[in-house]
Structures are given as structure tokens and as C-alpha cells.
Amino acid sequence: MQNDLPDKGAESDASYAFREHRLSWVAYVDAVLKGAVAIAIAVALMLAPRWIMMTPITAQMLFYAGIAFVVCALGLLVYRLFYIRRVRLYTDQDGVWCYRGILPWQRGIVGTNWRDVRQASYGTGFLRWATKAYPINVDNRFTDTDPIRLAHVHRGHEFVGHVNAWRNRMLRQDGETLR
């Protein structure tokens, strides 16, 4: 999506073009590691009768509980991976938006209009810098109930700079004071 506001002089450049960002590979690794830990716990449940003396009925119950836990963990892992793939963070002429969800009743867009954006911010750190996966927050200046918060946004620091530049540009065009 490469659009721009009506040109107001020499300040229009690539930093004002509309953008779309997705979650980084770090989000996938995070989901896979959490799934691996859950599966390891389930396998430990299934193998517990080999390490601890217990009655046969208890051993059988632990084995079936471990199988159920593995199936649930795998299902949640697959769901989480598909969910991460569907998350889109983007800007357009109306504001900042996040599209997410897989299931029809959960699918949707949340966001904030440009006139309502207080600020956008991101978290810093060495690992975040090294992986270029930043957590971002886009706050609404009127309510604290519906900010956009996403972890592991690929090049999220650039997205935050883009949102703040657009917000300032929109406010200057409307003649508001920057706060």
C-alpha cells in the first residue's frame, strides 16, 4: 500500500507512505518453544510410571492424560502458528489498524484513527535490536482501554517512527498543537 496525503510541499517522501507490518520469525520461535515445553511435560506424564512405582490404574490414567495433553498442545501450537501468520499491522489514510484472528467469530480489525492517536512506542533491548523484532504500543489519547499492543513486530521501531511522523503531520495539517 503506497499512498500519501495530499502533497504539502517538499516534505513528502517515503517515510510518509502507508505501511503494512507482520510479526517476526521470533514470534514463530516463541510459539514453537512453548509448544515444545508443553509436549515435554506431557511426555514426562506418559513416562512417569517407568520412574515411579504406582498402581496400574494410576499409570494407565497418567498415560492417557499425557496423550490428551500432547494432542491439546499440538492443536494449540498449530492454532498459534496460523494466528501469528494472520496478524497484520498497517496504516492507511484513516489511522493505525491491526487485523487478526482465524476463527470467524474472532476475526476482525482493531485500531485507532489518526486524530485519536496519542503516541506510538516500542521496547528496546539487545535481543530486540539483534532480531529486529520489537514490541509496539499505539495508545489512544481518549481512552486507555483499547491500545494496540503487539509483541515481536518485524522492524517495529520503523513502524513506530512512521506512526508518530504521520500523527505529527496530520496534526500540523489540522492546525492542532502537538502534545
N, C-alpha and C. Protein backbone atom coordinates (compact mmCIF):
# COMPACT_ATOMS: atom_id res chain seq x y z
N MET A 1 0.84 -1.17 0.00
CA MET A 1 0.00 0.00 0.00
C MET A 1 0.88 1.23 0.00
N GLN A 2 0.99 1.89 -1.10
CA GLN A 2 1.81 3.09 -1.20
C GLN A 2 0.92 4.28 -1.55
N ASN A 3 0.36 4.91 -0.56
CA ASN A 3 -0.46 6.10 -0.73
C ASN A 3 0.17 7.22 0.07
N ASP A 4 -0.37 8.42 -0.08
CA ASP A 4 0.16 9.53 0.68
C ASP A 4 -0.94 10.55 0.86
N LEU A 5 -0.77 11.42 1.82
CA LEU A 5 -1.68 12.54 1.98
C LEU A 5 -1.50 13.49 0.81
N PRO A 6 -2.44 14.37 0.57
CA PRO A 6 -2.20 15.39 -0.45
C PRO A 6 -0.90 16.12 -0.16
N ASP A 7 -0.10 16.30 -1.18
CA ASP A 7 1.24 16.85 -1.03
C ASP A 7 1.21 18.27 -0.48
N LYS A 8 1.98 18.51 0.57
CA LYS A 8 2.08 19.83 1.20
C LYS A 8 3.48 20.39 1.06
N GLY A 9 4.12 20.16 -0.06
CA GLY A 9 5.45 20.72 -0.25
C GLY A 9 6.50 19.64 -0.35
N ALA A 10 7.72 20.02 0.01
CA ALA A 10 8.87 19.14 -0.18
C ALA A 10 8.98 18.06 0.90
N GLU A 11 8.11 18.06 1.89
CA GLU A 11 8.28 17.10 2.97
C GLU A 11 7.71 15.72 2.66
N SER A 12 7.07 15.53 1.50
CA SER A 12 6.56 14.19 1.20
C SER A 12 7.69 13.32 0.70
N ASP A 13 7.89 12.21 1.37
CA ASP A 13 8.92 11.25 0.98
C ASP A 13 8.48 9.87 1.40
N ALA A 14 9.36 8.91 1.29
CA ALA A 14 9.00 7.52 1.55
C ALA A 14 8.59 7.28 3.00
N SER A 15 9.03 8.11 3.94
CA SER A 15 8.67 7.88 5.33
C SER A 15 7.19 8.11 5.60
N TYR A 16 6.50 8.80 4.70
CA TYR A 16 5.08 9.04 4.89
C TYR A 16 4.20 8.06 4.12
N ALA A 17 4.76 7.14 3.36
CA ALA A 17 3.98 6.16 2.61
C ALA A 17 3.30 5.21 3.60
N PHE A 18 2.10 4.73 3.28
CA PHE A 18 1.39 3.81 4.15
C PHE A 18 2.13 2.49 4.20
N ARG A 19 2.08 1.81 5.35
CA ARG A 19 2.86 0.60 5.56
C ARG A 19 2.02 -0.53 6.10
N GLU A 20 2.54 -1.73 5.90
CA GLU A 20 1.97 -2.94 6.49
C GLU A 20 3.12 -3.73 7.10
N HIS A 21 2.96 -4.14 8.34
CA HIS A 21 3.98 -4.93 9.03
C HIS A 21 3.35 -6.23 9.52
N ARG A 22 4.21 -7.23 9.63
CA ARG A 22 3.80 -8.54 10.14
C ARG A 22 4.66 -8.88 11.35
N LEU A 23 4.33 -9.98 11.98
CA LEU A 23 5.13 -10.43 13.11
C LEU A 23 6.40 -11.09 12.61
N SER A 24 7.43 -11.01 13.40
CA SER A 24 8.75 -11.50 13.05
C SER A 24 8.85 -13.02 13.22
N TRP A 25 9.94 -13.58 12.73
CA TRP A 25 10.21 -15.00 12.91
C TRP A 25 10.37 -15.33 14.38
N VAL A 26 10.69 -14.36 15.21
CA VAL A 26 10.85 -14.58 16.64
C VAL A 26 9.52 -15.02 17.26
N ALA A 27 8.41 -14.51 16.76
CA ALA A 27 7.10 -14.93 17.26
C ALA A 27 6.86 -16.41 16.99
N TYR A 28 7.28 -16.88 15.82
CA TYR A 28 7.15 -18.30 15.50
C TYR A 28 8.02 -19.15 16.41
N VAL A 29 9.26 -18.72 16.63
CA VAL A 29 10.17 -19.46 17.51
C VAL A 29 9.62 -19.50 18.92
N ASP A 30 9.07 -18.39 19.39
CA ASP A 30 8.47 -18.33 20.72
C ASP A 30 7.34 -19.34 20.85
N ALA A 31 6.46 -19.40 19.85
CA ALA A 31 5.34 -20.34 19.89
C ALA A 31 5.83 -21.78 19.85
N VAL A 32 6.82 -22.07 19.02
CA VAL A 32 7.34 -23.44 18.92
C VAL A 32 8.02 -23.86 20.22
N LEU A 33 8.77 -22.96 20.85
CA LEU A 33 9.43 -23.31 22.12
C LEU A 33 8.40 -23.58 23.21
N LYS A 34 7.37 -22.77 23.28
CA LYS A 34 6.32 -23.00 24.28
C LYS A 34 5.61 -24.33 24.01
N GLY A 35 5.35 -24.63 22.74
CA GLY A 35 4.74 -25.90 22.40
C GLY A 35 5.64 -27.07 22.74
N ALA A 36 6.95 -26.93 22.52
CA ALA A 36 7.89 -28.00 22.85
C ALA A 36 7.94 -28.26 24.35
N VAL A 37 7.88 -27.20 25.15
CA VAL A 37 7.87 -27.37 26.61
C VAL A 37 6.60 -28.10 27.03
N ALA A 38 5.45 -27.73 26.47
CA ALA A 38 4.19 -28.40 26.82
C ALA A 38 4.23 -29.87 26.43
N ILE A 39 4.78 -30.17 25.26
CA ILE A 39 4.86 -31.56 24.82
C ILE A 39 5.84 -32.34 25.70
N ALA A 40 6.94 -31.72 26.11
CA ALA A 40 7.90 -32.39 27.01
C ALA A 40 7.25 -32.73 28.34
N ILE A 41 6.41 -31.83 28.86
CA ILE A 41 5.70 -32.11 30.11
C ILE A 41 4.74 -33.27 29.91
N ALA A 42 4.06 -33.30 28.78
CA ALA A 42 3.12 -34.38 28.50
C ALA A 42 3.85 -35.72 28.38
N VAL A 43 4.99 -35.73 27.73
CA VAL A 43 5.76 -36.97 27.60
C VAL A 43 6.26 -37.42 28.98
N ALA A 44 6.63 -36.48 29.83
CA ALA A 44 7.04 -36.84 31.19
C ALA A 44 5.88 -37.47 31.95
N LEU A 45 4.66 -36.98 31.74
CA LEU A 45 3.49 -37.60 32.36
C LEU A 45 3.31 -39.03 31.86
N MET A 46 3.50 -39.22 30.56
CA MET A 46 3.31 -40.55 29.99
C MET A 46 4.38 -41.53 30.48
N LEU A 47 5.58 -41.05 30.74
CA LEU A 47 6.67 -41.92 31.16
C LEU A 47 6.83 -42.01 32.68
N ALA A 48 6.01 -41.31 33.44
CA ALA A 48 6.12 -41.30 34.90
C ALA A 48 6.06 -42.70 35.51
N PRO A 49 5.22 -43.62 35.01
CA PRO A 49 5.20 -44.96 35.62
C PRO A 49 6.53 -45.71 35.52
N ARG A 50 7.38 -45.35 34.58
CA ARG A 50 8.68 -46.00 34.48
C ARG A 50 9.64 -45.55 35.58
N TRP A 51 9.41 -44.36 36.11
CA TRP A 51 10.32 -43.82 37.12
C TRP A 51 9.78 -43.96 38.55
N ILE A 52 8.47 -44.00 38.67
CA ILE A 52 7.85 -44.01 40.00
C ILE A 52 6.96 -45.25 40.09
N MET A 53 7.01 -45.92 41.23
CA MET A 53 6.14 -47.08 41.46
C MET A 53 4.72 -46.58 41.73
N MET A 54 3.76 -47.11 40.98
CA MET A 54 2.36 -46.74 41.19
C MET A 54 1.48 -47.88 40.73
N THR A 55 0.23 -47.80 41.08
CA THR A 55 -0.72 -48.85 40.70
C THR A 55 -0.94 -48.83 39.20
N PRO A 56 -1.31 -49.95 38.62
CA PRO A 56 -1.53 -50.00 37.17
C PRO A 56 -2.62 -49.04 36.68
N ILE A 57 -3.67 -48.86 37.45
CA ILE A 57 -4.75 -47.95 37.01
C ILE A 57 -4.25 -46.51 37.00
N THR A 58 -3.43 -46.13 37.97
CA THR A 58 -2.86 -44.78 38.01
C THR A 58 -1.90 -44.58 36.85
N ALA A 59 -1.09 -45.59 36.56
CA ALA A 59 -0.16 -45.50 35.43
C ALA A 59 -0.92 -45.34 34.12
N GLN A 60 -2.01 -46.09 33.98
CA GLN A 60 -2.80 -46.00 32.76
C GLN A 60 -3.47 -44.63 32.64
N MET A 61 -3.96 -44.09 33.74
CA MET A 61 -4.58 -42.76 33.73
C MET A 61 -3.56 -41.69 33.36
N LEU A 62 -2.35 -41.78 33.92
CA LEU A 62 -1.31 -40.81 33.58
C LEU A 62 -0.91 -40.92 32.11
N PHE A 63 -0.87 -42.12 31.58
CA PHE A 63 -0.52 -42.31 30.18
C PHE A 63 -1.56 -41.65 29.28
N TYR A 64 -2.85 -41.89 29.55
CA TYR A 64 -3.91 -41.28 28.73
C TYR A 64 -3.99 -39.77 28.92
N ALA A 65 -3.71 -39.30 30.13
CA ALA A 65 -3.67 -37.85 30.37
C ALA A 65 -2.52 -37.22 29.57
N GLY A 66 -1.40 -37.92 29.52
CA GLY A 66 -0.26 -37.42 28.73
C GLY A 66 -0.59 -37.37 27.25
N ILE A 67 -1.28 -38.39 26.74
CA ILE A 67 -1.69 -38.38 25.33
C ILE A 67 -2.64 -37.22 25.06
N ALA A 68 -3.61 -37.01 25.94
CA ALA A 68 -4.56 -35.90 25.77
C ALA A 68 -3.83 -34.56 25.81
N PHE A 69 -2.85 -34.45 26.69
CA PHE A 69 -2.08 -33.21 26.81
C PHE A 69 -1.25 -32.96 25.55
N VAL A 70 -0.67 -34.01 24.97
CA VAL A 70 0.10 -33.87 23.74
C VAL A 70 -0.81 -33.41 22.60
N VAL A 71 -1.99 -34.01 22.50
CA VAL A 71 -2.93 -33.62 21.44
C VAL A 71 -3.35 -32.17 21.60
N CYS A 72 -3.67 -31.77 22.82
CA CYS A 72 -4.06 -30.36 23.06
C CYS A 72 -2.90 -29.42 22.77
N ALA A 73 -1.69 -29.78 23.19
CA ALA A 73 -0.53 -28.92 22.95
C ALA A 73 -0.25 -28.78 21.47
N LEU A 74 -0.35 -29.87 20.72
CA LEU A 74 -0.15 -29.79 19.28
C LEU A 74 -1.23 -28.95 18.61
N GLY A 75 -2.47 -29.12 19.04
CA GLY A 75 -3.57 -28.31 18.49
C GLY A 75 -3.37 -26.83 18.76
N LEU A 76 -2.99 -26.50 19.99
CA LEU A 76 -2.75 -25.09 20.33
C LEU A 76 -1.54 -24.53 19.58
N LEU A 77 -0.52 -25.35 19.37
CA LEU A 77 0.66 -24.91 18.63
C LEU A 77 0.29 -24.59 17.18
N VAL A 78 -0.46 -25.47 16.55
CA VAL A 78 -0.89 -25.22 15.16
C VAL A 78 -1.76 -23.98 15.08
N TYR A 79 -2.71 -23.84 16.03
CA TYR A 79 -3.57 -22.66 16.05
C TYR A 79 -2.73 -21.39 16.20
N ARG A 80 -1.78 -21.41 17.13
CA ARG A 80 -0.95 -20.23 17.38
C ARG A 80 -0.11 -19.86 16.16
N LEU A 81 0.44 -20.86 15.47
CA LEU A 81 1.23 -20.58 14.27
C LEU A 81 0.37 -19.96 13.17
N PHE A 82 -0.85 -20.48 12.97
CA PHE A 82 -1.74 -19.89 11.98
C PHE A 82 -2.17 -18.48 12.40
N TYR A 83 -2.39 -18.28 13.71
CA TYR A 83 -2.77 -16.96 14.21
C TYR A 83 -1.66 -15.94 13.95
N ILE A 84 -0.42 -16.31 14.24
CA ILE A 84 0.71 -15.40 14.03
C ILE A 84 0.81 -15.02 12.56
N ARG A 85 0.54 -15.98 11.70
CA ARG A 85 0.61 -15.71 10.27
C ARG A 85 -0.45 -14.72 9.80
N ARG A 86 -1.59 -14.67 10.50
CA ARG A 86 -2.69 -13.81 10.09
C ARG A 86 -2.60 -12.37 10.60
N VAL A 87 -1.76 -12.10 11.57
CA VAL A 87 -1.67 -10.76 12.17
C VAL A 87 -1.05 -9.80 11.17
N ARG A 88 -1.75 -8.69 10.93
CA ARG A 88 -1.27 -7.62 10.05
C ARG A 88 -1.44 -6.30 10.78
N LEU A 89 -0.38 -5.53 10.84
CA LEU A 89 -0.40 -4.21 11.43
C LEU A 89 -0.18 -3.23 10.29
N TYR A 90 -1.11 -2.30 10.09
CA TYR A 90 -0.97 -1.41 8.95
C TYR A 90 -1.53 -0.03 9.24
N THR A 91 -1.12 0.92 8.39
CA THR A 91 -1.65 2.27 8.45
C THR A 91 -2.30 2.58 7.12
N ASP A 92 -3.30 3.44 7.17
CA ASP A 92 -3.90 3.96 5.95
C ASP A 92 -4.28 5.41 6.21
N GLN A 93 -5.04 6.01 5.32
CA GLN A 93 -5.37 7.42 5.48
C GLN A 93 -6.26 7.69 6.69
N ASP A 94 -6.87 6.64 7.26
CA ASP A 94 -7.76 6.82 8.40
C ASP A 94 -7.09 6.62 9.75
N GLY A 95 -6.04 5.78 9.82
CA GLY A 95 -5.41 5.54 11.10
C GLY A 95 -4.50 4.35 11.11
N VAL A 96 -4.31 3.80 12.32
CA VAL A 96 -3.45 2.65 12.56
C VAL A 96 -4.36 1.48 12.90
N TRP A 97 -4.14 0.33 12.26
CA TRP A 97 -5.05 -0.80 12.39
C TRP A 97 -4.29 -2.10 12.55
N CYS A 98 -4.92 -3.04 13.23
CA CYS A 98 -4.36 -4.38 13.38
C CYS A 98 -5.45 -5.38 13.03
N TYR A 99 -5.19 -6.17 11.99
CA TYR A 99 -6.11 -7.24 11.60
C TYR A 99 -5.58 -8.53 12.17
N ARG A 100 -6.44 -9.30 12.84
CA ARG A 100 -6.02 -10.56 13.41
C ARG A 100 -7.20 -11.48 13.60
N GLY A 101 -6.92 -12.75 13.77
CA GLY A 101 -7.94 -13.74 14.03
C GLY A 101 -8.03 -14.79 12.94
N ILE A 102 -8.37 -16.00 13.34
CA ILE A 102 -8.53 -17.11 12.41
C ILE A 102 -9.99 -17.52 12.33
N LEU A 103 -10.57 -17.78 13.47
CA LEU A 103 -11.95 -18.23 13.51
C LEU A 103 -12.89 -17.07 13.17
N PRO A 104 -14.00 -17.35 12.48
CA PRO A 104 -14.88 -16.27 12.02
C PRO A 104 -15.39 -15.35 13.13
N TRP A 105 -15.63 -15.88 14.30
CA TRP A 105 -16.14 -15.04 15.39
C TRP A 105 -15.04 -14.28 16.12
N GLN A 106 -13.79 -14.57 15.82
CA GLN A 106 -12.68 -13.83 16.43
C GLN A 106 -11.98 -12.91 15.45
N ARG A 107 -12.23 -13.09 14.17
CA ARG A 107 -11.56 -12.31 13.14
C ARG A 107 -12.05 -10.87 13.18
N GLY A 108 -11.12 -9.93 13.02
CA GLY A 108 -11.53 -8.54 12.99
C GLY A 108 -10.38 -7.57 13.00
N ILE A 109 -10.75 -6.31 13.00
CA ILE A 109 -9.78 -5.22 12.97
C ILE A 109 -9.96 -4.37 14.22
N VAL A 110 -8.86 -4.07 14.88
CA VAL A 110 -8.85 -3.11 15.97
C VAL A 110 -7.90 -2.00 15.58
N GLY A 111 -8.17 -0.80 16.06
CA GLY A 111 -7.28 0.28 15.69
C GLY A 111 -7.72 1.62 16.24
N THR A 112 -7.02 2.64 15.78
CA THR A 112 -7.23 4.00 16.25
C THR A 112 -7.14 4.95 15.07
N ASN A 113 -8.05 5.91 15.00
CA ASN A 113 -7.99 6.95 13.97
C ASN A 113 -6.80 7.88 14.27
N TRP A 114 -6.31 8.51 13.22
CA TRP A 114 -5.16 9.40 13.39
C TRP A 114 -5.42 10.49 14.41
N ARG A 115 -6.62 11.05 14.42
CA ARG A 115 -6.90 12.15 15.35
C ARG A 115 -6.92 11.68 16.81
N ASP A 116 -7.06 10.36 17.03
CA ASP A 116 -7.14 9.81 18.38
C ASP A 116 -5.84 9.19 18.87
N VAL A 117 -4.81 9.12 18.02
CA VAL A 117 -3.54 8.51 18.43
C VAL A 117 -2.80 9.45 19.37
N ARG A 118 -2.47 8.96 20.55
CA ARG A 118 -1.66 9.75 21.49
C ARG A 118 -0.20 9.63 21.10
N GLN A 119 0.28 8.41 21.00
CA GLN A 119 1.66 8.17 20.63
C GLN A 119 1.83 6.70 20.32
N ALA A 120 2.89 6.39 19.65
CA ALA A 120 3.30 5.01 19.43
C ALA A 120 4.66 4.83 20.08
N SER A 121 4.89 3.68 20.67
CA SER A 121 6.18 3.43 21.33
C SER A 121 6.57 1.97 21.14
N TYR A 122 7.85 1.70 21.39
CA TYR A 122 8.35 0.33 21.28
C TYR A 122 9.35 0.07 22.38
N GLY A 123 9.55 -1.21 22.70
CA GLY A 123 10.52 -1.60 23.71
C GLY A 123 11.88 -1.83 23.09
N THR A 124 12.93 -1.56 23.87
CA THR A 124 14.29 -1.70 23.36
C THR A 124 15.02 -2.81 24.11
N GLY A 125 16.15 -3.19 23.60
CA GLY A 125 16.99 -4.20 24.22
C GLY A 125 17.90 -4.81 23.17
N PHE A 126 18.94 -5.49 23.64
CA PHE A 126 19.91 -6.05 22.71
C PHE A 126 19.29 -7.12 21.82
N LEU A 127 18.56 -8.07 22.41
CA LEU A 127 17.95 -9.13 21.60
C LEU A 127 16.93 -8.57 20.62
N ARG A 128 16.19 -7.58 21.03
CA ARG A 128 15.22 -6.95 20.13
C ARG A 128 15.93 -6.26 18.98
N TRP A 129 17.03 -5.60 19.28
CA TRP A 129 17.81 -4.94 18.22
C TRP A 129 18.43 -5.98 17.29
N ALA A 130 18.96 -7.05 17.85
CA ALA A 130 19.63 -8.07 17.04
C ALA A 130 18.65 -8.81 16.12
N THR A 131 17.43 -9.04 16.59
CA THR A 131 16.45 -9.78 15.79
C THR A 131 15.52 -8.86 15.01
N LYS A 132 15.56 -7.56 15.28
CA LYS A 132 14.68 -6.58 14.64
C LYS A 132 13.20 -6.92 14.89
N ALA A 133 12.92 -7.46 16.07
CA ALA A 133 11.56 -7.80 16.47
C ALA A 133 11.24 -7.04 17.76
N TYR A 134 10.41 -6.02 17.65
CA TYR A 134 10.14 -5.12 18.76
C TYR A 134 8.68 -5.22 19.21
N PRO A 135 8.44 -5.10 20.52
CA PRO A 135 7.06 -4.96 20.98
C PRO A 135 6.61 -3.52 20.75
N ILE A 136 5.40 -3.33 20.25
CA ILE A 136 4.92 -1.97 19.99
C ILE A 136 3.62 -1.72 20.75
N ASN A 137 3.40 -0.44 21.05
CA ASN A 137 2.16 0.04 21.67
C ASN A 137 1.71 1.28 20.91
N VAL A 138 0.46 1.32 20.51
CA VAL A 138 -0.13 2.51 19.93
C VAL A 138 -1.29 2.89 20.84
N ASP A 139 -1.14 4.02 21.54
CA ASP A 139 -2.11 4.43 22.55
C ASP A 139 -3.14 5.39 21.98
N ASN A 140 -4.37 5.26 22.50
CA ASN A 140 -5.46 6.17 22.18
C ASN A 140 -5.43 7.30 23.20
N ARG A 141 -5.55 8.53 22.76
CA ARG A 141 -5.43 9.65 23.71
C ARG A 141 -6.69 9.88 24.52
N PHE A 142 -7.81 9.27 24.16
CA PHE A 142 -9.05 9.49 24.90
C PHE A 142 -9.36 8.36 25.86
N THR A 143 -8.99 7.13 25.53
CA THR A 143 -9.28 6.00 26.41
C THR A 143 -8.03 5.16 26.57
N ASP A 144 -7.95 4.50 27.71
CA ASP A 144 -6.83 3.59 27.96
C ASP A 144 -7.26 2.14 27.74
N THR A 145 -8.46 1.93 27.25
CA THR A 145 -9.00 0.57 27.16
C THR A 145 -8.66 -0.14 25.85
N ASP A 146 -8.31 0.57 24.80
CA ASP A 146 -8.12 -0.11 23.52
C ASP A 146 -6.83 0.26 22.79
N PRO A 147 -5.68 0.14 23.46
CA PRO A 147 -4.44 0.36 22.71
C PRO A 147 -4.11 -0.85 21.85
N ILE A 148 -3.32 -0.64 20.83
CA ILE A 148 -2.81 -1.76 20.03
C ILE A 148 -1.49 -2.16 20.66
N ARG A 149 -1.42 -3.39 21.14
CA ARG A 149 -0.19 -3.92 21.75
C ARG A 149 0.15 -5.22 21.04
N LEU A 150 1.32 -5.25 20.45
CA LEU A 150 1.79 -6.46 19.78
C LEU A 150 3.25 -6.71 20.13
N ALA A 151 3.58 -7.96 20.35
CA ALA A 151 4.97 -8.34 20.59
C ALA A 151 5.58 -8.88 19.31
N HIS A 152 6.85 -8.74 19.15
CA HIS A 152 7.62 -9.32 18.05
C HIS A 152 7.22 -8.78 16.67
N VAL A 153 6.97 -7.49 16.56
CA VAL A 153 6.66 -6.89 15.25
C VAL A 153 7.97 -6.71 14.49
N HIS A 154 8.01 -7.24 13.27
CA HIS A 154 9.22 -7.12 12.46
C HIS A 154 9.46 -5.66 12.11
N ARG A 155 10.64 -5.16 12.46
CA ARG A 155 11.02 -3.76 12.27
C ARG A 155 9.98 -2.82 12.89
N GLY A 156 9.58 -3.17 14.10
CA GLY A 156 8.58 -2.37 14.82
C GLY A 156 9.06 -0.98 15.14
N HIS A 157 10.37 -0.80 15.30
CA HIS A 157 10.91 0.53 15.58
C HIS A 157 10.65 1.47 14.40
N GLU A 158 10.73 0.94 13.18
CA GLU A 158 10.42 1.76 11.99
C GLU A 158 8.93 2.08 11.92
N PHE A 159 8.11 1.11 12.29
CA PHE A 159 6.67 1.34 12.28
C PHE A 159 6.28 2.43 13.27
N VAL A 160 6.89 2.41 14.44
CA VAL A 160 6.59 3.43 15.46
C VAL A 160 7.01 4.81 14.97
N GLY A 161 8.18 4.91 14.37
CA GLY A 161 8.61 6.20 13.81
C GLY A 161 7.66 6.68 12.73
N HIS A 162 7.20 5.76 11.90
CA HIS A 162 6.25 6.08 10.83
C HIS A 162 4.93 6.59 11.42
N VAL A 163 4.40 5.91 12.42
CA VAL A 163 3.13 6.31 13.02
C VAL A 163 3.26 7.68 13.67
N ASN A 164 4.32 7.91 14.41
CA ASN A 164 4.50 9.21 15.08
C ASN A 164 4.69 10.33 14.06
N ALA A 165 5.42 10.06 12.97
CA ALA A 165 5.60 11.08 11.93
C ALA A 165 4.26 11.41 11.27
N TRP A 166 3.46 10.38 11.00
CA TRP A 166 2.14 10.62 10.40
C TRP A 166 1.23 11.39 11.35
N ARG A 167 1.27 11.01 12.61
CA ARG A 167 0.43 11.71 13.60
C ARG A 167 0.80 13.19 13.64
N ASN A 168 2.09 13.48 13.71
CA ASN A 168 2.53 14.87 13.76
C ASN A 168 2.15 15.61 12.48
N ARG A 169 2.29 14.97 11.36
CA ARG A 169 1.93 15.59 10.08
C ARG A 169 0.43 15.89 10.00
N MET A 170 -0.37 14.94 10.44
CA MET A 170 -1.82 15.14 10.43
C MET A 170 -2.22 16.28 11.36
N LEU A 171 -1.60 16.35 12.53
CA LEU A 171 -1.92 17.42 13.47
C LEU A 171 -1.50 18.78 12.92
N ARG A 172 -0.36 18.84 12.26
CA ARG A 172 0.06 20.11 11.66
C ARG A 172 -0.91 20.54 10.57
N GLN A 173 -1.41 19.60 9.79
CA GLN A 173 -2.36 19.94 8.73
C GLN A 173 -3.68 20.43 9.31
N ASP A 174 -4.07 19.84 10.45
CA ASP A 174 -5.32 20.25 11.08
C ASP A 174 -5.15 21.51 11.93
N GLY A 175 -3.93 21.94 12.15
CA GLY A 175 -3.65 23.15 12.91
C GLY A 175 -3.69 22.92 14.41
N GLU A 176 -3.68 21.67 14.86
CA GLU A 176 -3.66 21.39 16.29
C GLU A 176 -2.24 21.55 16.82
N THR A 177 -2.15 21.71 18.13
CA THR A 177 -0.83 21.76 18.75
C THR A 177 -0.39 20.35 19.07
N LEU A 178 0.89 20.09 18.96
CA LEU A 178 1.40 18.76 19.27
C LEU A 178 1.58 18.62 20.77
N ARG A 179 1.07 17.49 21.30
CA ARG A 179 1.21 17.24 22.73
C ARG A 179 2.03 16.02 22.95
